[in-house]
Amino acid sequence: MRVGGFRRTKPRLSVVVPVYNVAEYVADSLDSVLRQPLREISGIEVVVVDDGSTDGSAEIVKGITAKDPRVTLITQPNSGVSIARHAGIEAATGDLLTFVDPDDILPRDAWTPMLRSLRRTGSDFAVGSAERVTVEDGEERRYVTPLMRRNHTRTRLRCRIEDAPLMLADVFVWNKIFRRSFWTDNAITFPQRTRYQDQVALTQAFLAAKKFDVLTDVVYDWRVRTDRSSATQKRAQIANLVERVNTKRQTLDLVAESGSEVLMRTLRAEILPIDMWEHFRASVDPTTEDPDRYWSLLREAVLELWYDAGVPFEETTVPRGQRLMAWLVSQDRRDDLADLIAMIDEQGPAKAIGAFAVDEDLPVGL
């Protein structure tokens, strides 16, 4: 007999943790996992996959496995986080599946809201909110990104993605608990050798789900490294730009297969544009790798993903300054983009945008 999709016996939770050169963080991260309350589950198994670390991370995890049998360590040659996660999923035996990045921390009672929701609804997975955590001058600061806030302002149970299309923006694997059978039956896959593998896998999950639960609870602390060593903080590298654009293309292909015009419009207008400003800035930064090629690749992507597709960047929902940046890129006005960004930094966005508002070529929306 099942209760809300669970057997009468409490389910077991598998936690997959990919590790690569995080010796400074991994012990605290695993400690936050192992301290989680287990009221709603029979137990946990923590599958740590060391992806060829060279900084002693594996040795730290070995020390933890010696003290806590719930933790298992798998080692592999360096192959990337996607392959590491897949290795962890293969080794997992629990009824439920979740993920933790080894430089992040779980809040005190991260899993209980999601587990209770799944027991109640029988949904394929549950998703909670997350806070970004930074430390500046020794002071911890927390904030929720705008789209995360919009998506998690109210509880929504037994959703389908057509009912909540903006959830496609929740492209993080670690603020969710999945039924492991849902994950494996739908062959959800992290693309290999890319910094942005979560977006493709989570798009697959949202499209495949018959129902999922959206919660308001903060279930994850997303740490922003002050040393800027995180892969997603290296925007000025050409490989970073190429990987981000390719991920957007793969996401568009998946959503196009669904045949939903609403999902496609939401994706182009509200989701895919939100991180492009980082690359607009990088394109005129003198420290950017091979600036001419970077500019060319960026311009091709902006034209392809928005203008050629019939959704001009001016029609997206990102702030006006970012829309203006994209338009300048599309018009091949590199020097003007550099001037705009310098003015924004010196005078603020309102005055900078106002200075460009006299341009007679500006389209409606700018």
Protein backbone atom coordinates (compact mmCIF):
# COMPACT_ATOMS: atom_id res chain seq x y z
CA MET A 1 0.00 0.00 0.00
CA ARG A 2 1.17 3.52 -0.82
CA VAL A 3 0.53 6.77 1.02
CA GLY A 4 0.91 9.87 -1.18
CA GLY A 5 3.12 7.90 -3.56
CA PHE A 6 5.29 6.35 -0.81
CA ARG A 7 5.11 2.83 0.53
CA ARG A 8 3.96 2.47 4.13
CA THR A 9 7.61 2.18 5.04
CA LYS A 10 9.51 5.44 4.94
CA PRO A 11 11.58 6.01 1.80
CA ARG A 12 15.36 6.16 1.68
CA LEU A 13 17.12 9.21 0.23
CA SER A 14 20.25 9.08 -1.96
CA VAL A 15 22.41 12.22 -1.95
CA VAL A 16 24.85 12.60 -4.85
CA VAL A 17 27.83 14.89 -4.26
CA PRO A 18 30.35 15.44 -7.12
CA VAL A 19 33.74 16.60 -5.82
CA TYR A 20 36.65 18.27 -7.57
CA ASN A 21 39.33 20.29 -5.75
CA VAL A 22 37.13 21.63 -2.96
CA ALA A 23 39.27 20.72 0.03
CA GLU A 24 38.46 24.05 1.69
CA TYR A 25 34.73 23.43 1.58
CA VAL A 26 33.83 19.75 1.36
CA ALA A 27 33.97 18.83 5.06
CA ASP A 28 31.54 21.61 6.03
CA SER A 29 29.27 20.73 3.13
CA LEU A 30 29.08 17.04 4.04
CA ASP A 31 28.63 17.91 7.71
CA SER A 32 25.53 19.94 6.77
CA VAL A 33 24.23 16.90 4.86
CA LEU A 34 24.87 14.40 7.64
CA ARG A 35 23.22 16.64 10.26
CA GLN A 36 19.88 16.79 8.43
CA PRO A 37 16.83 15.59 10.40
CA LEU A 38 15.54 12.24 9.15
CA ARG A 39 11.97 12.34 10.46
CA GLU A 40 10.40 11.76 7.04
CA ILE A 41 12.77 9.09 5.72
CA SER A 42 14.24 5.80 6.85
CA GLY A 43 17.78 6.97 6.23
CA ILE A 44 20.23 8.41 3.74
CA GLU A 45 23.12 7.25 1.64
CA VAL A 46 25.60 9.91 0.55
CA VAL A 47 27.39 9.00 -2.68
CA VAL A 48 30.46 11.18 -3.11
CA VAL A 49 32.16 10.98 -6.50
CA ASP A 50 35.68 12.40 -6.53
CA ASP A 51 36.45 13.55 -10.05
CA GLY A 52 40.23 13.28 -9.96
CA SER A 53 40.89 15.92 -7.28
CA THR A 54 44.52 16.91 -6.76
CA ASP A 55 44.14 19.02 -3.60
CA GLY A 56 43.41 16.33 -1.03
CA SER A 57 39.62 16.46 -1.32
CA ALA A 58 39.38 12.67 -1.67
CA GLU A 59 41.47 12.13 1.45
CA ILE A 60 39.15 14.41 3.43
CA VAL A 61 36.14 12.42 2.25
CA LYS A 62 37.88 9.14 3.10
CA GLY A 63 38.27 10.39 6.64
CA ILE A 64 34.54 11.07 6.80
CA THR A 65 33.64 7.64 5.36
CA ALA A 66 35.72 6.00 8.09
CA LYS A 67 33.54 7.66 10.72
CA ASP A 68 30.13 7.52 9.03
CA PRO A 69 29.07 4.43 7.05
CA ARG A 70 26.32 6.42 5.34
CA VAL A 71 28.98 8.03 3.14
CA THR A 72 30.44 6.16 0.17
CA LEU A 73 33.34 7.45 -1.92
CA ILE A 74 33.73 6.68 -5.61
CA THR A 75 36.88 7.88 -7.36
CA GLN A 76 37.34 8.41 -11.08
CA PRO A 77 39.81 10.17 -13.41
CA ASN A 78 38.91 13.79 -14.06
CA SER A 79 35.93 13.64 -16.43
CA GLY A 80 33.75 16.59 -15.51
CA VAL A 81 30.85 17.13 -13.13
CA SER A 82 28.25 15.60 -15.47
CA ILE A 83 29.99 12.22 -15.60
CA ALA A 84 30.61 12.41 -11.85
CA ARG A 85 26.91 12.98 -11.19
CA HIS A 86 25.94 10.15 -13.52
CA ALA A 87 28.31 7.83 -11.67
CA GLY A 88 26.64 8.83 -8.41
CA ILE A 89 23.16 8.25 -9.80
CA GLU A 90 24.17 4.79 -11.04
CA ALA A 91 25.44 3.89 -7.59
CA ALA A 92 22.38 5.28 -5.80
CA THR A 93 19.89 2.79 -4.35
CA GLY A 94 17.42 5.06 -2.53
CA ASP A 95 13.78 5.63 -3.39
CA LEU A 96 14.47 9.35 -3.63
CA LEU A 97 17.32 11.33 -5.13
CA THR A 98 18.84 14.73 -4.42
CA PHE A 99 22.08 16.54 -5.16
CA VAL A 100 24.48 18.76 -3.24
CA ASP A 101 27.43 20.72 -4.61
CA PRO A 102 30.45 20.30 -2.31
CA ASP A 103 31.11 24.02 -1.83
CA ASP A 104 27.55 24.72 -0.65
CA ILE A 105 25.71 24.21 2.62
CA LEU A 106 22.28 22.82 3.44
CA PRO A 107 20.13 24.86 5.84
CA ARG A 108 19.32 23.25 9.17
CA ASP A 109 16.20 21.41 7.99
CA ALA A 110 16.43 21.46 4.21
CA TRP A 111 14.67 18.27 3.18
CA THR A 112 11.64 18.03 5.48
CA PRO A 113 9.35 20.44 3.55
CA MET A 114 10.03 18.69 0.25
CA LEU A 115 9.67 15.20 1.71
CA ARG A 116 6.38 16.05 3.38
CA SER A 117 5.08 17.55 0.17
CA LEU A 118 6.00 14.47 -1.86
CA ARG A 119 4.35 12.21 0.69
CA ARG A 120 1.18 14.30 0.46
CA THR A 121 0.98 14.75 -3.32
CA GLY A 122 2.74 11.81 -4.93
CA SER A 123 4.45 14.25 -7.31
CA ASP A 124 7.54 13.36 -9.36
CA PHE A 125 9.67 15.89 -7.53
CA ALA A 126 9.51 18.86 -5.19
CA VAL A 127 11.43 22.11 -5.52
CA GLY A 128 12.21 24.72 -2.87
CA SER A 129 13.78 28.16 -2.89
CA ALA A 130 17.48 28.93 -2.46
CA GLU A 131 19.49 31.83 -1.07
CA ARG A 132 22.77 33.03 -2.48
CA VAL A 133 25.30 33.51 0.31
CA THR A 134 28.27 35.87 0.06
CA VAL A 135 30.80 36.98 2.65
CA GLU A 136 32.11 40.53 2.35
CA ASP A 137 34.51 41.98 4.91
CA GLY A 138 33.66 39.11 7.21
CA GLU A 139 29.91 39.81 7.02
CA GLU A 140 27.56 37.20 5.60
CA ARG A 141 24.94 38.47 3.18
CA ARG A 142 22.01 36.53 1.79
CA TYR A 143 19.71 37.26 -1.08
CA VAL A 144 17.26 35.54 -3.38
CA THR A 145 17.54 36.14 -7.12
CA PRO A 146 14.52 37.89 -8.68
CA LEU A 147 13.28 34.90 -10.68
CA MET A 148 13.75 32.57 -7.71
CA ARG A 149 11.65 34.98 -5.66
CA ARG A 150 8.93 35.15 -8.31
CA ASN A 151 8.76 31.38 -8.64
CA HIS A 152 8.59 30.70 -4.92
CA THR A 153 6.25 33.38 -3.58
CA ARG A 154 3.48 30.83 -3.04
CA THR A 155 3.08 27.09 -2.67
CA ARG A 156 1.85 25.29 -5.79
CA LEU A 157 1.21 21.56 -5.57
CA ARG A 158 0.80 19.01 -8.36
CA CYS A 159 1.90 21.51 -11.03
CA ARG A 160 2.63 20.85 -14.66
CA ILE A 161 5.10 23.07 -16.46
CA GLU A 162 2.32 24.46 -18.66
CA ASP A 163 0.70 25.78 -15.45
CA ALA A 164 3.91 27.46 -14.28
CA PRO A 165 6.11 28.11 -17.37
CA LEU A 166 8.48 30.43 -15.53
CA MET A 167 9.67 27.41 -13.50
CA LEU A 168 11.87 26.61 -16.51
CA ALA A 169 14.10 29.31 -15.04
CA ASP A 170 14.74 27.14 -11.96
CA VAL A 171 17.73 25.50 -13.60
CA PHE A 172 19.38 24.17 -10.43
CA VAL A 173 19.53 20.50 -9.52
CA TRP A 174 20.33 20.96 -5.84
CA ASN A 175 17.11 22.58 -4.54
CA LYS A 176 14.97 19.59 -5.44
CA ILE A 177 14.17 16.04 -4.35
CA PHE A 178 13.23 13.61 -7.11
CA ARG A 179 11.75 10.16 -7.14
CA ARG A 180 14.71 8.17 -8.40
CA SER A 181 12.45 6.11 -10.67
CA PHE A 182 11.22 9.33 -12.32
CA TRP A 183 14.80 10.39 -13.02
CA THR A 184 15.93 7.06 -14.43
CA ASP A 185 12.71 6.19 -16.31
CA ASN A 186 12.93 9.49 -18.19
CA ALA A 187 16.67 9.14 -18.86
CA ILE A 188 17.37 12.65 -17.60
CA THR A 189 20.92 13.50 -18.59
CA PHE A 190 23.52 16.12 -17.74
CA PRO A 191 25.39 17.16 -20.91
CA GLN A 192 29.11 16.52 -20.66
CA ARG A 193 31.93 19.06 -20.55
CA THR A 194 29.91 22.20 -19.96
CA ARG A 195 29.60 24.57 -17.01
CA TYR A 196 25.85 24.87 -17.52
CA GLN A 197 24.72 21.25 -17.50
CA ASP A 198 21.90 21.82 -15.00
CA GLN A 199 19.74 23.82 -17.41
CA VAL A 200 19.38 21.00 -19.92
CA ALA A 201 18.74 18.30 -17.31
CA LEU A 202 16.19 20.40 -15.43
CA THR A 203 14.39 21.36 -18.62
CA GLN A 204 14.06 17.64 -19.35
CA ALA A 205 12.71 17.08 -15.84
CA PHE A 206 10.11 19.84 -15.96
CA LEU A 207 8.89 18.75 -19.39
CA ALA A 208 8.70 15.08 -18.37
CA ALA A 209 6.97 15.59 -15.01
CA LYS A 210 3.30 14.69 -14.73
CA LYS A 211 3.26 16.82 -11.59
CA PHE A 212 5.75 18.62 -9.35
CA ASP A 213 5.48 20.66 -6.15
CA VAL A 214 6.73 24.24 -5.78
CA LEU A 215 7.44 25.33 -2.19
CA THR A 216 8.26 28.65 -0.55
CA ASP A 217 10.78 27.16 1.92
CA VAL A 218 14.48 27.96 1.53
CA VAL A 219 16.09 24.55 1.13
CA TYR A 220 19.60 25.41 -0.09
CA ASP A 221 22.41 27.87 0.63
CA TRP A 222 24.20 28.65 -2.63
CA ARG A 223 27.67 29.87 -1.70
CA VAL A 224 29.38 32.42 -3.95
CA ARG A 225 33.12 31.93 -3.67
CA THR A 226 35.01 35.12 -2.89
CA ASP A 227 38.07 33.86 -4.80
CA ARG A 228 35.96 33.75 -8.01
CA SER A 229 37.13 30.19 -8.62
CA SER A 230 33.67 28.84 -9.41
CA ALA A 231 33.37 27.84 -13.06
CA THR A 232 30.31 30.01 -13.62
CA GLN A 233 32.23 33.10 -12.47
CA LYS A 234 34.65 33.01 -15.43
CA ARG A 235 32.51 34.86 -17.97
CA ALA A 236 35.34 36.42 -19.96
CA GLN A 237 36.56 33.10 -21.38
CA ILE A 238 35.47 32.21 -24.91
CA ALA A 239 34.80 28.61 -23.82
CA ASN A 240 32.42 29.92 -21.17
CA LEU A 241 30.46 31.93 -23.73
CA VAL A 242 30.34 29.03 -26.20
CA GLU A 243 29.13 26.61 -23.53
CA ARG A 244 26.44 28.99 -22.35
CA VAL A 245 25.14 29.58 -25.88
CA ASN A 246 25.17 25.85 -26.67
CA THR A 247 23.21 25.16 -23.50
CA LYS A 248 20.61 27.72 -24.54
CA ARG A 249 20.34 26.04 -27.95
CA GLN A 250 19.84 22.61 -26.37
CA THR A 251 17.17 24.03 -24.05
CA LEU A 252 15.35 25.65 -26.97
CA ASP A 253 15.39 22.35 -28.87
CA LEU A 254 13.85 20.52 -25.92
CA VAL A 255 11.09 23.08 -25.45
CA ALA A 256 10.41 23.21 -29.20
CA GLU A 257 9.73 19.46 -29.11
CA SER A 258 6.97 20.09 -26.57
CA GLY A 259 5.07 22.12 -29.16
CA SER A 260 4.06 24.74 -26.58
CA GLU A 261 4.15 28.31 -27.88
CA VAL A 262 3.67 29.61 -24.34
CA LEU A 263 6.73 27.76 -23.04
CA MET A 264 8.81 28.86 -26.03
CA ARG A 265 7.84 32.51 -25.67
CA THR A 266 8.49 32.42 -21.92
CA LEU A 267 11.88 30.85 -22.55
CA ARG A 268 13.02 33.46 -25.08
CA ALA A 269 11.48 36.50 -23.43
CA GLU A 270 11.92 35.82 -19.71
CA ILE A 271 14.46 33.07 -19.07
CA LEU A 272 17.25 32.85 -21.64
CA PRO A 273 18.06 36.61 -21.52
CA ILE A 274 18.61 36.87 -17.77
CA ASP A 275 22.33 36.07 -17.70
CA MET A 276 23.40 37.64 -21.01
CA TRP A 277 24.34 40.96 -19.39
CA GLU A 278 27.44 39.29 -17.97
CA HIS A 279 28.63 38.52 -21.47
CA PHE A 280 27.68 41.97 -22.78
CA ARG A 281 29.98 43.42 -20.15
CA ALA A 282 32.71 40.88 -20.84
CA SER A 283 32.64 41.66 -24.55
CA VAL A 284 34.06 45.17 -23.97
CA ASP A 285 36.32 44.34 -21.04
CA PRO A 286 40.00 44.71 -22.03
CA THR A 287 40.92 41.57 -20.08
CA THR A 288 38.54 39.33 -22.05
CA GLU A 289 40.10 36.50 -24.01
CA ASP A 290 40.50 37.28 -27.77
CA PRO A 291 38.05 40.23 -27.66
CA ASP A 292 37.39 40.34 -31.42
CA ARG A 293 36.38 36.69 -31.57
CA TYR A 294 34.40 37.01 -28.34
CA TRP A 295 32.45 39.93 -29.82
CA SER A 296 31.78 38.06 -33.05
CA LEU A 297 30.49 34.95 -31.24
CA LEU A 298 28.35 37.01 -28.89
CA ARG A 299 26.77 39.00 -31.72
CA GLU A 300 26.01 35.84 -33.71
CA ALA A 301 24.30 34.33 -30.65
CA VAL A 302 22.19 37.42 -29.92
CA LEU A 303 21.00 37.59 -33.52
CA GLU A 304 20.29 33.86 -33.71
CA LEU A 305 18.54 33.35 -30.37
CA TRP A 306 16.42 36.48 -30.38
CA TYR A 307 16.30 38.66 -33.48
CA ASP A 308 16.29 35.91 -36.13
CA ALA A 309 13.79 33.97 -34.01
CA GLY A 310 11.29 36.84 -34.03
CA VAL A 311 11.68 37.89 -30.39
CA PRO A 312 13.83 41.04 -30.45
CA PHE A 313 15.74 41.54 -27.22
CA GLU A 314 13.78 44.78 -26.73
CA GLU A 315 10.71 42.59 -26.13
CA THR A 316 12.33 40.60 -23.32
CA THR A 317 11.59 41.26 -19.65
CA VAL A 318 15.13 41.99 -18.43
CA PRO A 319 15.91 45.54 -17.23
CA ARG A 320 15.99 48.29 -19.84
CA GLY A 321 19.75 48.76 -19.62
CA GLN A 322 20.33 45.13 -20.52
CA ARG A 323 17.91 45.37 -23.44
CA LEU A 324 19.83 48.39 -24.70
CA MET A 325 23.12 46.51 -24.36
CA ALA A 326 21.75 43.66 -26.48
CA TRP A 327 20.47 46.02 -29.14
CA LEU A 328 23.89 47.68 -29.40
CA VAL A 329 25.43 44.23 -29.81
CA SER A 330 22.94 43.35 -32.54
CA GLN A 331 23.82 46.61 -34.34
CA ASP A 332 27.55 45.90 -34.08
CA ARG A 333 28.07 49.07 -32.05
CA ARG A 334 30.88 47.86 -29.83
CA ASP A 335 32.28 51.28 -28.90
CA ASP A 336 28.82 52.54 -27.98
CA LEU A 337 28.31 49.49 -25.75
CA ALA A 338 31.59 50.23 -23.99
CA ASP A 339 30.48 53.85 -23.49
CA LEU A 340 27.09 52.77 -22.14
CA ILE A 341 28.60 50.37 -19.63
CA ALA A 342 31.13 52.98 -18.47
CA MET A 343 28.31 55.52 -18.01
CA ILE A 344 26.20 53.00 -16.09
CA ASP A 345 29.10 52.35 -13.73
CA GLU A 346 29.86 56.06 -13.26
CA GLN A 347 26.42 57.68 -13.31
CA GLY A 348 23.92 54.88 -12.75
CA PRO A 349 21.62 53.20 -15.27
CA ALA A 350 18.94 55.91 -15.46
CA LYS A 351 21.30 58.70 -16.57
CA ALA A 352 23.24 56.38 -18.87
CA ILE A 353 20.11 55.14 -20.61
CA GLY A 354 18.81 58.69 -20.85
CA ALA A 355 21.93 59.75 -22.70
CA PHE A 356 21.22 57.10 -25.36
CA ALA A 357 17.49 57.85 -25.55
CA VAL A 358 18.12 60.67 -28.05
CA ASP A 359 19.38 58.11 -30.60
CA GLU A 360 16.84 58.25 -33.41
CA ASP A 361 17.63 54.67 -34.41
CA LEU A 362 16.45 53.20 -31.10
CA PRO A 363 13.53 50.78 -31.61
CA VAL A 364 10.30 50.81 -29.65
CA GLY A 365 10.89 49.29 -26.23
CA LEU A 366 14.12 51.16 -25.59
